[in-house]
Amino acid sequence: MAPAAQLGIRDLNRATLDRQLLLRREARTSADTVEHLVGMQAQAPRAAYVGLWSRLAAFDPAELAGLVAERAAVRTVLMRGTVHLLTARDAAALTPLFRPMLERAFSYSTFAKALDGDDLAEIAARARELLAAEPMTRKEIAERLGERWPGRDPQALGYLATDLVRCVQIPPRGLWDEVGPPTWTPVETWLGRECDAGGTSVDDLVLRFLGAFGPASVKDAQTWSGLTRLREVFDRLRPRLAVFRDPEGKELYDLPDAPRPGPDTPAPVRFLPEYDNLLLSHADRSRVIVGRRTVPLPPGHGGSAGTVLVDGFFQGVWKIVREGGTAVLRVDPFVPLSAEDRGEVEREGRDLLAFAAADAGDYDVRVTTPG
């Protein structure tokens, strides 16, 4: 058997950017894109809108907002125990696959310890009844549960309700032009149907992960999903996969026919939102991050800060602030930019302002010089 071909960092970078739709803006729908990416990180409610703007040609935020309002897309806790935006079809199919991992994670949490001695299943059953009857915030459901279990830690009750009852956050949370507190209801109640325990197998999930994030290692898949013991899954799938090695000799797997453009393929400047999965979904992040740089995770509703890709790599951060009627985009590169790259950052930045701050009277892009 011939030895596995080695892929360099730039090979991995360009392959991943291609799968992530970041080498060119694509003519796809929002729903198709969210499914292709196997969900989008949505901890910050407006972040996915910027993520889709960076990936799609002529993206209209009203399209995604309509999916959320019409229950065709939902925000729910799945991969890595974090909030993701998924289509309703994927939410119904993937929820049962992640339920054991999420239940196990809660059992080890400080919230479970705070409720030690209580019947967690009984509390969860009551929480499901209450949330199915009326969507509530964590504070509200904790108050209702506290009527039957007085003296319990309210925060622990609130997180039990949303972690053990598989829930979605409902609109206006997740809309582009509106904000609202995280308000929860069971996913089955919101979708009007039961989740399909046989909808997606872990094998299917791994294949979809490779289609959106490959080539990748077993540890990469586990980092992205939060699931464990995936080695046996990759071993089972191995005859169907292409096998490569990274610069350190570690095995990487991929779909045989997936695109793997050459290392010199041009990569345009891209502005990514908070928590974008491109930067968070590999155990070895060197394919997009130089020098183990920390990915910023700012608080807030999203859509106003994030990271900058230059030549395909994380090379700066951005933030939009308002100065009177002017929307100002500040870009802080980590390294000096060539005149060509600086010009592309400024052009893409003005387009970002026209999208993310469309109501502003004027725009200003300020690119700083690294100290």
Protein backbone atom coordinates (compact mmCIF):
# COMPACT_ATOMS: atom_id res chain seq x y z
CA MET A 1 0.00 0.00 0.00
CA ALA A 2 1.38 3.40 -0.99
CA PRO A 3 2.07 5.79 1.91
CA ALA A 4 -0.54 8.49 2.53
CA ALA A 5 0.16 11.76 0.75
CA GLN A 6 1.20 14.64 2.98
CA LEU A 7 -0.77 17.87 3.02
CA GLY A 8 0.94 21.09 4.06
CA ILE A 9 -0.64 23.85 6.13
CA ARG A 10 -1.60 25.87 3.05
CA ASP A 11 -3.11 22.76 1.42
CA LEU A 12 -5.28 22.29 4.51
CA ASN A 13 -6.08 25.99 4.64
CA ARG A 14 -7.31 26.18 1.07
CA ALA A 15 -9.27 22.91 1.30
CA THR A 16 -11.04 24.07 4.47
CA LEU A 17 -11.77 27.53 3.07
CA ASP A 18 -13.29 25.91 -0.01
CA ARG A 19 -15.57 23.69 2.10
CA GLN A 20 -16.49 26.69 4.22
CA LEU A 21 -17.46 28.72 1.12
CA LEU A 22 -14.79 31.33 1.85
CA LEU A 23 -12.79 31.20 -1.38
CA ARG A 24 -15.67 32.72 -3.34
CA ARG A 25 -19.18 33.87 -2.52
CA GLU A 26 -21.66 31.20 -3.56
CA ALA A 27 -25.12 31.49 -5.13
CA ARG A 28 -26.85 29.36 -2.48
CA THR A 29 -29.86 29.78 -0.24
CA SER A 30 -29.42 30.35 3.48
CA ALA A 31 -31.04 27.02 4.31
CA ASP A 32 -28.80 25.10 1.92
CA THR A 33 -25.72 26.82 3.32
CA VAL A 34 -26.62 26.20 6.96
CA GLU A 35 -27.16 22.53 6.18
CA HIS A 36 -23.93 22.28 4.19
CA LEU A 37 -22.03 23.72 7.18
CA VAL A 38 -23.86 21.31 9.54
CA GLY A 39 -25.11 24.29 11.49
CA MET A 40 -23.52 27.64 12.32
CA GLN A 41 -22.29 28.84 15.67
CA ALA A 42 -25.00 31.13 16.99
CA GLN A 43 -24.00 31.95 20.55
CA ALA A 44 -24.24 35.59 19.46
CA PRO A 45 -27.69 35.79 17.80
CA ARG A 46 -26.73 38.05 14.87
CA ALA A 47 -23.37 36.42 14.15
CA ALA A 48 -24.72 33.89 11.66
CA TYR A 49 -26.00 36.73 9.48
CA VAL A 50 -22.47 38.11 9.06
CA GLY A 51 -21.21 34.56 8.54
CA LEU A 52 -23.65 34.06 5.68
CA TRP A 53 -22.94 37.51 4.22
CA SER A 54 -19.27 36.53 4.01
CA ARG A 55 -20.11 33.30 2.21
CA LEU A 56 -23.05 34.06 -0.09
CA ALA A 57 -23.58 36.29 -3.10
CA ALA A 58 -26.37 38.85 -2.61
CA PHE A 59 -27.26 37.57 0.86
CA ASP A 60 -30.45 39.14 2.22
CA PRO A 61 -30.79 38.98 6.03
CA ALA A 62 -34.58 38.92 5.61
CA GLU A 63 -34.24 35.48 4.05
CA LEU A 64 -32.61 33.98 7.15
CA ALA A 65 -34.86 35.96 9.51
CA GLY A 66 -37.85 34.53 7.65
CA LEU A 67 -36.57 30.98 8.17
CA VAL A 68 -36.22 31.63 11.90
CA ALA A 69 -39.62 33.31 12.20
CA GLU A 70 -41.32 30.52 10.23
CA ARG A 71 -39.63 27.76 12.29
CA ALA A 72 -37.69 26.47 9.29
CA ALA A 73 -34.45 27.28 11.13
CA VAL A 74 -33.86 27.13 14.88
CA ARG A 75 -31.24 28.03 17.47
CA THR A 76 -30.52 25.16 19.83
CA VAL A 77 -27.71 23.72 21.95
CA LEU A 78 -25.91 20.89 20.13
CA MET A 79 -22.27 20.73 19.00
CA ARG A 80 -19.81 21.26 21.86
CA GLY A 81 -22.77 22.07 24.11
CA THR A 82 -23.06 25.51 22.47
CA VAL A 83 -25.88 27.31 20.67
CA HIS A 84 -26.00 26.57 16.93
CA LEU A 85 -28.29 27.67 14.14
CA LEU A 86 -29.66 24.68 12.21
CA THR A 87 -32.43 24.00 9.78
CA ALA A 88 -35.52 22.46 11.34
CA ARG A 89 -34.78 19.24 9.47
CA ASP A 90 -31.29 19.00 10.95
CA ALA A 91 -32.48 19.97 14.43
CA ALA A 92 -35.00 17.13 14.40
CA ALA A 93 -32.47 14.63 13.05
CA LEU A 94 -29.43 15.60 15.13
CA THR A 95 -30.98 16.31 18.54
CA PRO A 96 -31.26 12.61 19.53
CA LEU A 97 -27.65 12.01 18.47
CA PHE A 98 -26.32 14.68 20.84
CA ARG A 99 -28.74 14.14 23.72
CA PRO A 100 -26.59 11.55 25.62
CA MET A 101 -23.50 13.79 25.43
CA LEU A 102 -25.41 16.84 26.65
CA GLU A 103 -27.07 14.92 29.48
CA ARG A 104 -23.69 13.52 30.55
CA ALA A 105 -22.14 17.00 30.45
CA PHE A 106 -24.90 18.35 32.70
CA SER A 107 -24.45 15.48 35.16
CA TYR A 108 -20.84 16.62 35.69
CA SER A 109 -21.70 20.32 35.96
CA THR A 110 -21.81 22.52 39.05
CA PHE A 111 -25.56 22.87 38.43
CA ALA A 112 -26.10 19.13 38.89
CA LYS A 113 -23.96 19.21 42.04
CA ALA A 114 -26.09 22.05 43.39
CA LEU A 115 -29.16 19.83 42.99
CA ASP A 116 -27.51 16.76 44.51
CA GLY A 117 -30.08 14.50 46.10
CA ASP A 118 -32.94 15.67 43.91
CA ASP A 119 -34.52 13.54 41.21
CA LEU A 120 -33.24 15.37 38.13
CA ALA A 121 -35.45 13.36 35.78
CA GLU A 122 -38.54 14.39 37.75
CA ILE A 123 -37.54 18.06 37.66
CA ALA A 124 -36.84 17.80 33.92
CA ALA A 125 -40.23 16.19 33.27
CA ARG A 126 -41.98 19.03 35.07
CA ALA A 127 -39.86 21.60 33.22
CA ARG A 128 -40.87 20.04 29.92
CA GLU A 129 -44.56 20.34 30.83
CA LEU A 130 -44.16 23.98 31.78
CA LEU A 131 -42.05 24.99 28.77
CA ALA A 132 -44.33 23.16 26.33
CA ALA A 133 -47.28 25.09 27.72
CA GLU A 134 -45.51 28.46 27.70
CA PRO A 135 -42.03 29.48 26.47
CA MET A 136 -39.98 31.02 29.28
CA THR A 137 -36.59 32.47 30.09
CA ARG A 138 -34.32 30.50 32.43
CA LYS A 139 -35.24 32.89 35.26
CA GLU A 140 -38.94 32.34 34.67
CA ILE A 141 -38.76 28.56 34.50
CA ALA A 142 -36.57 28.49 37.61
CA GLU A 143 -39.22 30.47 39.50
CA ARG A 144 -41.94 28.03 38.42
CA LEU A 145 -39.86 25.00 39.33
CA GLY A 146 -38.99 26.62 42.65
CA GLU A 147 -42.66 26.46 43.61
CA ARG A 148 -42.38 22.64 43.79
CA TRP A 149 -38.70 22.46 44.79
CA PRO A 150 -38.27 25.46 47.12
CA GLY A 151 -34.86 26.43 48.36
CA ARG A 152 -33.04 25.06 45.31
CA ASP A 153 -30.44 27.09 43.46
CA PRO A 154 -32.47 29.07 40.85
CA GLN A 155 -29.64 29.12 38.32
CA ALA A 156 -29.23 25.35 38.60
CA LEU A 157 -32.97 24.86 38.05
CA GLY A 158 -32.92 27.14 35.02
CA TYR A 159 -30.00 25.38 33.35
CA LEU A 160 -31.43 21.96 34.15
CA ALA A 161 -34.62 22.95 32.36
CA THR A 162 -32.88 24.02 29.16
CA ASP A 163 -30.10 21.41 29.21
CA LEU A 164 -32.08 18.27 30.02
CA VAL A 165 -35.19 19.31 28.11
CA ARG A 166 -33.89 19.72 24.58
CA CYS A 167 -35.00 23.26 23.82
CA VAL A 168 -34.79 25.94 21.17
CA GLN A 169 -34.48 29.69 21.66
CA ILE A 170 -37.48 31.28 19.99
CA PRO A 171 -37.89 34.62 18.14
CA PRO A 172 -37.40 37.50 18.41
CA ARG A 173 -34.07 36.02 19.57
CA GLY A 174 -32.16 35.21 16.41
CA LEU A 175 -33.78 37.80 14.14
CA TRP A 176 -31.63 40.42 12.40
CA ASP A 177 -33.53 43.60 13.26
CA GLU A 178 -34.93 42.59 16.65
CA VAL A 179 -33.49 41.48 19.95
CA GLY A 180 -34.97 39.67 22.89
CA PRO A 181 -33.96 37.62 25.91
CA PRO A 182 -33.23 33.90 25.44
CA THR A 183 -36.69 32.34 25.70
CA TRP A 184 -36.95 28.55 25.55
CA THR A 185 -39.43 25.88 24.53
CA PRO A 186 -38.97 22.16 23.74
CA VAL A 187 -37.70 21.54 20.22
CA GLU A 188 -40.56 19.10 19.51
CA THR A 189 -43.13 21.66 20.62
CA TRP A 190 -41.67 24.38 18.42
CA LEU A 191 -41.29 22.17 15.36
CA GLY A 192 -44.64 20.46 15.83
CA ARG A 193 -43.14 16.99 15.44
CA GLU A 194 -41.03 14.47 17.29
CA CYS A 195 -37.29 14.32 16.78
CA ASP A 196 -36.23 11.35 14.67
CA ALA A 197 -34.00 9.02 16.70
CA GLY A 198 -32.95 7.29 13.48
CA GLY A 199 -32.67 10.45 11.41
CA THR A 200 -28.88 10.70 11.34
CA SER A 201 -26.26 8.16 12.41
CA VAL A 202 -22.90 9.13 13.85
CA ASP A 203 -21.38 7.79 10.60
CA ASP A 204 -23.54 10.23 8.63
CA LEU A 205 -22.50 13.05 10.95
CA VAL A 206 -18.79 12.35 10.47
CA LEU A 207 -19.16 12.27 6.68
CA ARG A 208 -20.97 15.62 6.75
CA PHE A 209 -18.30 17.05 9.03
CA LEU A 210 -15.59 16.06 6.57
CA GLY A 211 -17.60 17.64 3.74
CA ALA A 212 -17.62 20.98 5.58
CA PHE A 213 -14.34 20.91 7.57
CA GLY A 214 -12.07 18.29 6.00
CA PRO A 215 -9.49 16.99 5.61
CA ALA A 216 -9.62 16.33 9.34
CA SER A 217 -8.45 14.03 12.10
CA VAL A 218 -10.44 12.03 14.61
CA LYS A 219 -9.58 14.63 17.26
CA ASP A 220 -10.82 17.39 14.95
CA ALA A 221 -14.21 15.70 14.63
CA GLN A 222 -14.40 15.25 18.38
CA THR A 223 -13.44 18.88 18.98
CA TRP A 224 -16.11 20.13 16.59
CA SER A 225 -18.90 17.90 17.86
CA GLY A 226 -18.12 17.34 21.52
CA LEU A 227 -18.73 13.63 20.94
CA THR A 228 -16.19 11.03 22.06
CA ARG A 229 -14.99 7.61 20.90
CA LEU A 230 -15.10 8.57 17.23
CA ARG A 231 -11.98 6.54 16.41
CA GLU A 232 -14.14 3.45 15.91
CA VAL A 233 -16.38 5.43 13.55
CA PHE A 234 -13.42 6.52 11.41
CA ASP A 235 -12.08 2.96 11.41
CA ARG A 236 -15.44 1.75 10.15
CA LEU A 237 -15.57 4.44 7.46
CA ARG A 238 -11.91 4.17 6.46
CA PRO A 239 -12.51 2.08 3.29
CA ARG A 240 -14.75 4.88 2.01
CA LEU A 241 -12.33 7.72 2.80
CA ALA A 242 -9.17 9.25 1.40
CA VAL A 243 -6.33 9.23 3.92
CA PHE A 244 -3.60 11.87 4.16
CA ARG A 245 -1.01 13.00 6.67
CA ASP A 246 -0.46 16.48 8.07
CA PRO A 247 3.01 18.09 8.35
CA GLU A 248 3.55 16.30 11.68
CA GLY A 249 2.59 12.92 10.28
CA LYS A 250 -0.86 12.64 11.88
CA GLU A 251 -3.54 10.90 9.84
CA LEU A 252 -6.22 13.03 8.23
CA TYR A 253 -9.37 11.74 6.56
CA ASP A 254 -11.46 13.19 3.77
CA LEU A 255 -14.19 12.46 1.28
CA PRO A 256 -12.46 11.10 -1.84
CA ASP A 257 -14.10 13.54 -4.26
CA ALA A 258 -14.08 16.62 -2.03
CA PRO A 259 -12.32 19.72 -3.41
CA ARG A 260 -8.72 20.23 -2.37
CA PRO A 261 -7.45 23.30 -4.26
CA GLY A 262 -3.74 23.94 -4.48
CA PRO A 263 -1.83 25.91 -1.84
CA ASP A 264 -1.38 28.90 -4.16
CA THR A 265 -5.12 29.31 -4.80
CA PRO A 266 -6.01 32.98 -4.10
CA ALA A 267 -7.95 33.52 -0.88
CA PRO A 268 -9.85 36.82 -0.61
CA VAL A 269 -10.05 38.95 2.52
CA ARG A 270 -13.01 37.85 4.62
CA PHE A 271 -14.61 39.31 7.74
CA LEU A 272 -15.87 36.55 10.01
CA PRO A 273 -18.31 37.05 12.89
CA GLU A 274 -17.95 36.17 16.54
CA TYR A 275 -17.55 32.43 17.25
CA ASP A 276 -17.29 31.39 13.59
CA ASN A 277 -16.85 27.62 13.39
CA LEU A 278 -13.95 27.96 10.95
CA LEU A 279 -11.76 29.01 13.89
CA LEU A 280 -13.18 26.70 16.57
CA SER A 281 -13.73 23.31 14.97
CA HIS A 282 -10.30 21.67 14.77
CA ALA A 283 -8.12 20.30 17.53
CA ASP A 284 -5.15 21.56 15.52
CA ARG A 285 -6.10 25.08 14.41
CA SER A 286 -2.85 25.84 12.60
CA ARG A 287 -4.61 25.56 9.22
CA VAL A 288 -6.19 28.97 9.90
CA ILE A 289 -4.49 30.35 13.02
CA VAL A 290 -0.83 31.37 13.09
CA GLY A 291 1.09 30.86 16.32
CA ARG A 292 -1.70 29.51 18.54
CA ARG A 293 -3.35 32.93 18.65
CA THR A 294 -6.44 33.04 20.88
CA VAL A 295 -9.79 33.49 19.17
CA PRO A 296 -11.68 36.42 20.76
CA LEU A 297 -15.15 35.57 22.08
CA PRO A 298 -16.80 38.95 22.73
CA PRO A 299 -20.15 39.19 24.54
CA GLY A 300 -23.24 40.75 23.03
CA HIS A 301 -25.82 40.10 20.33
CA GLY A 302 -23.19 39.80 17.59
CA GLY A 303 -22.81 41.27 14.15
CA SER A 304 -20.52 44.07 15.31
CA ALA A 305 -17.14 42.40 15.91
CA GLY A 306 -15.11 39.46 14.75
CA THR A 307 -11.98 38.26 13.02
CA VAL A 308 -10.29 39.02 9.69
CA LEU A 309 -8.85 36.51 7.23
CA VAL A 310 -5.97 37.75 5.07
CA ASP A 311 -4.56 35.23 2.60
CA GLY A 312 -6.81 32.68 4.28
CA PHE A 313 -5.38 33.05 7.78
CA PHE A 314 -6.63 34.79 10.96
CA GLN A 315 -4.59 38.00 10.79
CA GLY A 316 -6.66 40.62 12.60
CA VAL A 317 -9.81 41.61 14.43
CA TRP A 318 -12.59 44.05 13.58
CA LYS A 319 -15.22 46.05 15.43
CA ILE A 320 -17.99 48.43 14.39
CA VAL A 321 -18.70 51.46 16.57
CA ARG A 322 -20.98 54.47 16.05
CA GLU A 323 -19.68 58.01 16.09
CA GLY A 324 -22.71 60.21 15.66
CA GLY A 325 -24.30 59.24 12.36
CA THR A 326 -21.14 57.51 11.11
CA ALA A 327 -20.54 53.77 11.40
CA VAL A 328 -16.83 53.24 11.95
CA LEU A 329 -15.18 49.90 11.24
CA ARG A 330 -11.88 49.57 13.07
CA VAL A 331 -9.61 46.83 11.78
CA ASP A 332 -6.58 45.87 13.89
CA PRO A 333 -4.18 43.64 11.91
CA PHE A 334 -1.64 41.56 13.80
CA VAL A 335 0.97 41.95 11.05
CA PRO A 336 1.86 44.71 8.58
CA LEU A 337 -0.32 44.54 5.47
CA SER A 338 0.88 44.99 1.93
CA ALA A 339 -0.67 47.87 0.01
CA GLU A 340 -2.73 45.35 -1.96
CA ASP A 341 -4.01 43.57 1.15
CA ARG A 342 -4.76 46.86 2.91
CA GLY A 343 -6.77 48.03 -0.08
CA GLU A 344 -8.75 44.79 -0.13
CA VAL A 345 -9.42 45.05 3.63
CA GLU A 346 -10.74 48.58 3.14
CA ARG A 347 -12.98 47.63 0.21
CA GLU A 348 -14.40 44.55 1.92
CA GLY A 349 -14.76 46.59 5.10
CA ARG A 350 -16.91 49.22 3.42
CA ASP A 351 -19.12 46.45 2.02
CA LEU A 352 -19.43 45.00 5.52
CA LEU A 353 -20.51 48.38 6.89
CA ALA A 354 -23.11 48.73 4.14
CA PHE A 355 -24.51 45.39 5.27
CA ALA A 356 -24.13 45.41 9.05
CA ALA A 357 -24.73 49.15 9.59
CA ALA A 358 -27.10 49.91 6.71
CA ASP A 359 -28.92 52.57 8.73
CA ALA A 360 -25.81 54.73 9.21
CA GLY A 361 -25.56 58.04 7.43
CA ASP A 362 -21.91 57.52 6.55
CA TYR A 363 -19.18 54.87 6.75
CA ASP A 364 -15.55 55.01 7.73
CA VAL A 365 -12.99 52.18 7.63
CA ARG A 366 -9.91 52.64 9.81
CA VAL A 367 -7.10 50.11 9.45
CA THR A 368 -4.51 50.46 12.20
CA THR A 369 -0.80 49.77 11.98
CA PRO A 370 0.48 46.95 14.20
CA GLY A 371 2.61 48.21 17.07
